[in-house]
Each structure stands twice: as structure tokens, then as C-alpha cells.
Amino acid sequence: MQAFEKLQRTYTKIDNVLFTIAPWGDQVFEPAILDAIELLTEKAWQLPYVLRVDSKPSMTSMCI
């Protein structure tokens, strides 16, 4: 336990939050759904102590 706490003091705590959006049907790439994901991504950056936000629609390597 002490080694784990030292790791957290040295680097950062591993505290994650996962938001999941599950639209009805198969319409994941509808403009309204993508807009909602974009808004959620922007709002996630405003949470206290946020260091990183990953969002699939904002990743350039995503294949559609």
C-alpha cells in the first residue's frame, strides 16, 4: 500500500470518470448525437482537476 501511495504522490492518482452515450437504435453518427458528445466533451474539460479528456468523435484516427 505504501508503494502505491508513493506512486500516486509522484505521478497522479488514477481516478477516472467514464460517460457513456447510448442512443436509441443504430443512429450513433446522427448529427444530434455527435453534437451531444461534443458538448459533453467540452463540459468534461470544465470539471475540477481534469488533466485529460478522450472523446471518440474528437480522435482523428476514428474510422467511419
PDB file of N, CA and C in Angstrom:
ATOM      1  N   MET A   1       0.818  -1.194   0.000  1.00  0.00           N
ATOM      2  CA  MET A   1       0.000   0.000   0.000  1.00  0.00           C
ATOM      3  C   MET A   1       0.861   1.258   0.000  1.00  0.00           C
ATOM      4  N   GLN A   2       1.961   1.235   0.718  1.00  0.00           N
ATOM      5  CA  GLN A   2       2.837   2.407   0.759  1.00  0.00           C
ATOM      6  C   GLN A   2       3.434   2.695  -0.609  1.00  0.00           C
ATOM      7  N   ALA A   3       3.792   1.655  -1.337  1.00  0.00           N
ATOM      8  CA  ALA A   3       4.353   1.848  -2.681  1.00  0.00           C
ATOM      9  C   ALA A   3       3.311   2.469  -3.604  1.00  0.00           C
ATOM     10  N   PHE A   4       2.079   2.026  -3.478  1.00  0.00           N
ATOM     11  CA  PHE A   4       1.003   2.574  -4.296  1.00  0.00           C
ATOM     12  C   PHE A   4       0.783   4.049  -3.977  1.00  0.00           C
ATOM     13  N   GLU A   5       0.758   4.405  -2.708  1.00  0.00           N
ATOM     14  CA  GLU A   5       0.577   5.799  -2.309  1.00  0.00           C
ATOM     15  C   GLU A   5       1.746   6.660  -2.773  1.00  0.00           C
ATOM     16  N   LYS A   6       2.970   6.123  -2.731  1.00  0.00           N
ATOM     17  CA  LYS A   6       4.128   6.855  -3.228  1.00  0.00           C
ATOM     18  C   LYS A   6       3.999   7.092  -4.728  1.00  0.00           C
ATOM     19  N   LEU A   7       3.533   6.090  -5.459  1.00  0.00           N
ATOM     20  CA  LEU A   7       3.315   6.231  -6.899  1.00  0.00           C
ATOM     21  C   LEU A   7       2.314   7.347  -7.172  1.00  0.00           C
ATOM     22  N   GLN A   8       1.239   7.394  -6.405  1.00  0.00           N
ATOM     23  CA  GLN A   8       0.234   8.438  -6.596  1.00  0.00           C
ATOM     24  C   GLN A   8       0.779   9.819  -6.253  1.00  0.00           C
ATOM     25  N   ARG A   9       1.609   9.928  -5.227  1.00  0.00           N
ATOM     26  CA  ARG A   9       2.204  11.218  -4.874  1.00  0.00           C
ATOM     27  C   ARG A   9       3.185  11.671  -5.942  1.00  0.00           C
ATOM     28  N   THR A  10       3.924  10.722  -6.519  1.00  0.00           N
ATOM     29  CA  THR A  10       4.933  11.053  -7.520  1.00  0.00           C
ATOM     30  C   THR A  10       4.298  11.447  -8.845  1.00  0.00           C
ATOM     31  N   TYR A  11       3.316  10.712  -9.273  1.00  0.00           N
ATOM     32  CA  TYR A  11       2.716  10.954 -10.585  1.00  0.00           C
ATOM     33  C   TYR A  11       1.339  11.581 -10.425  1.00  0.00           C
ATOM     34  N   THR A  12       0.349  10.810 -10.366  1.00  0.00           N
ATOM     35  CA  THR A  12      -1.007  11.317 -10.178  1.00  0.00           C
ATOM     36  C   THR A  12      -1.900  10.170  -9.726  1.00  0.00           C
ATOM     37  N   LYS A  13      -3.000  10.515  -9.129  1.00  0.00           N
ATOM     38  CA  LYS A  13      -3.970   9.491  -8.766  1.00  0.00           C
ATOM     39  C   LYS A  13      -4.609   8.949 -10.041  1.00  0.00           C
ATOM     40  N   ILE A  14      -4.999   7.727  -9.988  1.00  0.00           N
ATOM     41  CA  ILE A  14      -5.668   7.117 -11.127  1.00  0.00           C
ATOM     42  C   ILE A  14      -7.166   7.133 -10.833  1.00  0.00           C
ATOM     43  N   ASP A  15      -7.746   8.315 -10.972  1.00  0.00           N
ATOM     44  CA  ASP A  15      -9.181   8.495 -10.768  1.00  0.00           C
ATOM     45  C   ASP A  15      -9.797   8.794 -12.132  1.00  0.00           C
ATOM     46  N   ASN A  16     -10.665   7.924 -12.585  1.00  0.00           N
ATOM     47  CA  ASN A  16     -11.263   8.082 -13.900  1.00  0.00           C
ATOM     48  C   ASN A  16     -12.767   8.230 -13.799  1.00  0.00           C
ATOM     49  N   VAL A  17     -13.317   8.928 -14.776  1.00  0.00           N
ATOM     50  CA  VAL A  17     -14.758   9.041 -14.930  1.00  0.00           C
ATOM     51  C   VAL A  17     -15.069   8.625 -16.358  1.00  0.00           C
ATOM     52  N   LEU A  18     -16.087   7.802 -16.529  1.00  0.00           N
ATOM     53  CA  LEU A  18     -16.492   7.351 -17.853  1.00  0.00           C
ATOM     54  C   LEU A  18     -17.938   7.754 -18.092  1.00  0.00           C
ATOM     55  N   PHE A  19     -18.151   8.509 -19.152  1.00  0.00           N
ATOM     56  CA  PHE A  19     -19.504   8.854 -19.581  1.00  0.00           C
ATOM     57  C   PHE A  19     -19.823   7.980 -20.787  1.00  0.00           C
ATOM     58  N   THR A  20     -21.004   7.399 -20.810  1.00  0.00           N
ATOM     59  CA  THR A  20     -21.422   6.565 -21.925  1.00  0.00           C
ATOM     60  C   THR A  20     -22.713   7.119 -22.499  1.00  0.00           C
ATOM     61  N   ILE A  21     -22.731   7.292 -23.814  1.00  0.00           N
ATOM     62  CA  ILE A  21     -23.940   7.730 -24.505  1.00  0.00           C
ATOM     63  C   ILE A  21     -24.417   6.561 -25.347  1.00  0.00           C
ATOM     64  N   ALA A  22     -25.643   6.154 -25.132  1.00  0.00           N
ATOM     65  CA  ALA A  22     -26.212   5.021 -25.869  1.00  0.00           C
ATOM     66  C   ALA A  22     -27.517   5.472 -26.522  1.00  0.00           C
ATOM     67  N   PRO A  23     -27.432   5.966 -27.761  1.00  0.00           N
ATOM     68  CA  PRO A  23     -28.654   6.424 -28.430  1.00  0.00           C
ATOM     69  C   PRO A  23     -29.570   5.257 -28.785  1.00  0.00           C
ATOM     70  N   TRP A  24     -30.849   5.541 -28.915  1.00  0.00           N
ATOM     71  CA  TRP A  24     -31.814   4.523 -29.331  1.00  0.00           C
ATOM     72  C   TRP A  24     -31.505   4.101 -30.755  1.00  0.00           C
ATOM     73  N   GLY A  25     -31.609   2.838 -31.038  1.00  0.00           N
ATOM     74  CA  GLY A  25     -31.386   2.343 -32.393  1.00  0.00           C
ATOM     75  C   GLY A  25     -29.912   2.334 -32.746  1.00  0.00           C
ATOM     76  N   ASP A  26     -29.647   2.378 -34.023  1.00  0.00           N
ATOM     77  CA  ASP A  26     -28.271   2.316 -34.519  1.00  0.00           C
ATOM     78  C   ASP A  26     -27.783   3.659 -35.046  1.00  0.00           C
ATOM     79  N   GLN A  27     -28.368   4.735 -34.595  1.00  0.00           N
ATOM     80  CA  GLN A  27     -28.066   6.051 -35.152  1.00  0.00           C
ATOM     81  C   GLN A  27     -26.976   6.783 -34.370  1.00  0.00           C
ATOM     82  N   VAL A  28     -25.863   6.133 -34.169  1.00  0.00           N
ATOM     83  CA  VAL A  28     -24.778   6.700 -33.365  1.00  0.00           C
ATOM     84  C   VAL A  28     -24.174   7.930 -34.024  1.00  0.00           C
ATOM     85  N   PHE A  29     -24.110   7.938 -35.348  1.00  0.00           N
ATOM     86  CA  PHE A  29     -23.430   9.028 -36.043  1.00  0.00           C
ATOM     87  C   PHE A  29     -24.377  10.096 -36.574  1.00  0.00           C
ATOM     88  N   GLU A  30     -25.578  10.165 -36.015  1.00  0.00           N
ATOM     89  CA  GLU A  30     -26.508  11.235 -36.357  1.00  0.00           C
ATOM     90  C   GLU A  30     -25.949  12.554 -35.821  1.00  0.00           C
ATOM     91  N   PRO A  31     -26.180  13.672 -36.528  1.00  0.00           N
ATOM     92  CA  PRO A  31     -25.656  14.966 -36.074  1.00  0.00           C
ATOM     93  C   PRO A  31     -26.022  15.318 -34.633  1.00  0.00           C
ATOM     94  N   ALA A  32     -27.242  15.022 -34.210  1.00  0.00           N
ATOM     95  CA  ALA A  32     -27.651  15.362 -32.841  1.00  0.00           C
ATOM     96  C   ALA A  32     -26.844  14.584 -31.805  1.00  0.00           C
ATOM     97  N   ILE A  33     -26.555  13.326 -32.094  1.00  0.00           N
ATOM     98  CA  ILE A  33     -25.775  12.510 -31.167  1.00  0.00           C
ATOM     99  C   ILE A  33     -24.332  13.017 -31.118  1.00  0.00           C
ATOM    100  N   LEU A  34     -23.764  13.298 -32.281  1.00  0.00           N
ATOM    101  CA  LEU A  34     -22.386  13.818 -32.319  1.00  0.00           C
ATOM    102  C   LEU A  34     -22.295  15.175 -31.632  1.00  0.00           C
ATOM    103  N   ASP A  35     -23.324  16.017 -31.779  1.00  0.00           N
ATOM    104  CA  ASP A  35     -23.353  17.305 -31.077  1.00  0.00           C
ATOM    105  C   ASP A  35     -23.385  17.097 -29.565  1.00  0.00           C
ATOM    106  N   ALA A  36     -24.163  16.114 -29.108  1.00  0.00           N
ATOM    107  CA  ALA A  36     -24.245  15.825 -27.674  1.00  0.00           C
ATOM    108  C   ALA A  36     -22.893  15.353 -27.140  1.00  0.00           C
ATOM    109  N   ILE A  37     -22.206  14.520 -27.913  1.00  0.00           N
ATOM    110  CA  ILE A  37     -20.882  14.044 -27.496  1.00  0.00           C
ATOM    111  C   ILE A  37     -19.891  15.195 -27.452  1.00  0.00           C
ATOM    112  N   GLU A  38     -19.966  16.081 -28.433  1.00  0.00           N
ATOM    113  CA  GLU A  38     -19.076  17.239 -28.447  1.00  0.00           C
ATOM    114  C   GLU A  38     -19.311  18.133 -27.227  1.00  0.00           C
ATOM    115  N   LEU A  39     -20.578  18.379 -26.895  1.00  0.00           N
ATOM    116  CA  LEU A  39     -20.909  19.196 -25.725  1.00  0.00           C
ATOM    117  C   LEU A  39     -20.427  18.536 -24.440  1.00  0.00           C
ATOM    118  N   LEU A  40     -20.649  17.239 -24.314  1.00  0.00           N
ATOM    119  CA  LEU A  40     -20.195  16.517 -23.130  1.00  0.00           C
ATOM    120  C   LEU A  40     -18.678  16.584 -23.000  1.00  0.00           C
ATOM    121  N   THR A  41     -17.981  16.479 -24.129  1.00  0.00           N
ATOM    122  CA  THR A  41     -16.519  16.582 -24.120  1.00  0.00           C
ATOM    123  C   THR A  41     -16.071  17.958 -23.628  1.00  0.00           C
ATOM    124  N   GLU A  42     -16.706  19.009 -24.147  1.00  0.00           N
ATOM    125  CA  GLU A  42     -16.371  20.375 -23.715  1.00  0.00           C
ATOM    126  C   GLU A  42     -16.641  20.570 -22.227  1.00  0.00           C
ATOM    127  N   LYS A  43     -17.769  20.065 -21.759  1.00  0.00           N
ATOM    128  CA  LYS A  43     -18.125  20.201 -20.335  1.00  0.00           C
ATOM    129  C   LYS A  43     -17.193  19.384 -19.445  1.00  0.00           C
ATOM    130  N   ALA A  44     -16.735  18.239 -19.940  1.00  0.00           N
ATOM    131  CA  ALA A  44     -15.828  17.403 -19.148  1.00  0.00           C
ATOM    132  C   ALA A  44     -14.531  18.145 -18.845  1.00  0.00           C
ATOM    133  N   TRP A  45     -14.058  18.971 -19.778  1.00  0.00           N
ATOM    134  CA  TRP A  45     -12.838  19.746 -19.538  1.00  0.00           C
ATOM    135  C   TRP A  45     -13.029  20.765 -18.424  1.00  0.00           C
ATOM    136  N   GLN A  46     -14.263  21.120 -18.113  1.00  0.00           N
ATOM    137  CA  GLN A  46     -14.546  22.121 -17.085  1.00  0.00           C
ATOM    138  C   GLN A  46     -14.682  21.518 -15.693  1.00  0.00           C
ATOM    139  N   LEU A  47     -14.633  20.193 -15.583  1.00  0.00           N
ATOM    140  CA  LEU A  47     -14.701  19.552 -14.271  1.00  0.00           C
ATOM    141  C   LEU A  47     -13.430  19.852 -13.475  1.00  0.00           C
ATOM    142  N   PRO A  48     -13.524  19.931 -12.163  1.00  0.00           N
ATOM    143  CA  PRO A  48     -12.339  20.220 -11.350  1.00  0.00           C
ATOM    144  C   PRO A  48     -11.262  19.149 -11.510  1.00  0.00           C
ATOM    145  N   TYR A  49     -10.032  19.591 -11.580  1.00  0.00           N
ATOM    146  CA  TYR A  49      -8.835  18.737 -11.590  1.00  0.00           C
ATOM    147  C   TYR A  49      -8.679  17.878 -12.843  1.00  0.00           C
ATOM    148  N   VAL A  50      -9.374  18.202 -13.912  1.00  0.00           N
ATOM    149  CA  VAL A  50      -9.271  17.407 -15.137  1.00  0.00           C
ATOM    150  C   VAL A  50      -7.929  17.639 -15.811  1.00  0.00           C
ATOM    151  N   LEU A  51      -7.264  16.539 -16.143  1.00  0.00           N
ATOM    152  CA  LEU A  51      -5.983  16.602 -16.848  1.00  0.00           C
ATOM    153  C   LEU A  51      -6.094  16.068 -18.271  1.00  0.00           C
ATOM    154  N   ARG A  52      -7.098  15.240 -18.525  1.00  0.00           N
ATOM    155  CA  ARG A  52      -7.211  14.593 -19.835  1.00  0.00           C
ATOM    156  C   ARG A  52      -8.671  14.241 -20.112  1.00  0.00           C
ATOM    157  N   VAL A  53      -9.100  14.488 -21.337  1.00  0.00           N
ATOM    158  CA  VAL A  53     -10.435  14.099 -21.784  1.00  0.00           C
ATOM    159  C   VAL A  53     -10.266  13.422 -23.143  1.00  0.00           C
ATOM    160  N   ASP A  54     -10.752  12.198 -23.251  1.00  0.00           N
ATOM    161  CA  ASP A  54     -10.750  11.480 -24.524  1.00  0.00           C
ATOM    162  C   ASP A  54     -12.188  11.365 -24.998  1.00  0.00           C
ATOM    163  N   SER A  55     -12.377  11.608 -26.283  1.00  0.00           N
ATOM    164  CA  SER A  55     -13.700  11.501 -26.856  1.00  0.00           C
ATOM    165  C   SER A  55     -13.545  10.947 -28.266  1.00  0.00           C
ATOM    166  N   LYS A  56     -14.190   9.846 -28.553  1.00  0.00           N
ATOM    167  CA  LYS A  56     -14.027   9.192 -29.863  1.00  0.00           C
ATOM    168  C   LYS A  56     -14.269  10.142 -31.030  1.00  0.00           C
ATOM    169  N   PRO A  57     -15.344  10.938 -31.064  1.00  0.00           N
ATOM    170  CA  PRO A  57     -15.526  11.811 -32.219  1.00  0.00           C
ATOM    171  C   PRO A  57     -14.431  12.847 -32.412  1.00  0.00           C
ATOM    172  N   SER A  58     -13.674  13.158 -31.349  1.00  0.00           N
ATOM    173  CA  SER A  58     -12.605  14.140 -31.489  1.00  0.00           C
ATOM    174  C   SER A  58     -11.266  13.494 -31.843  1.00  0.00           C
ATOM    175  N   MET A  59     -11.234  12.174 -31.928  1.00  0.00           N
ATOM    176  CA  MET A  59      -9.998  11.476 -32.266  1.00  0.00           C
ATOM    177  C   MET A  59      -9.896  11.343 -33.778  1.00  0.00           C
ATOM    178  N   THR A  60      -8.814  11.813 -34.341  1.00  0.00           N
ATOM    179  CA  THR A  60      -8.662  11.812 -35.788  1.00  0.00           C
ATOM    180  C   THR A  60      -8.466  10.426 -36.371  1.00  0.00           C
ATOM    181  N   SER A  61      -8.121   9.450 -35.557  1.00  0.00           N
ATOM    182  CA  SER A  61      -7.892   8.108 -36.081  1.00  0.00           C
ATOM    183  C   SER A  61      -9.173   7.285 -36.183  1.00  0.00           C
ATOM    184  N   MET A  62     -10.287   7.872 -35.824  1.00  0.00           N
ATOM    185  CA  MET A  62     -11.551   7.141 -35.854  1.00  0.00           C
ATOM    186  C   MET A  62     -11.979   6.889 -37.293  1.00  0.00           C
ATOM    187  N   CYS A  63     -12.392   5.686 -37.578  1.00  0.00           N
ATOM    188  CA  CYS A  63     -12.865   5.329 -38.928  1.00  0.00           C
ATOM    189  C   CYS A  63     -14.378   5.207 -38.908  1.00  0.00           C
ATOM    190  N   ILE A  64     -14.997   5.808 -39.886  1.00  0.00           N
ATOM    191  CA  ILE A  64     -16.469   5.720 -40.011  1.00  0.00           C
ATOM    192  C   ILE A  64     -16.786   4.944 -41.285  1.00  0.00           C
TER     193      ILE A  64
END
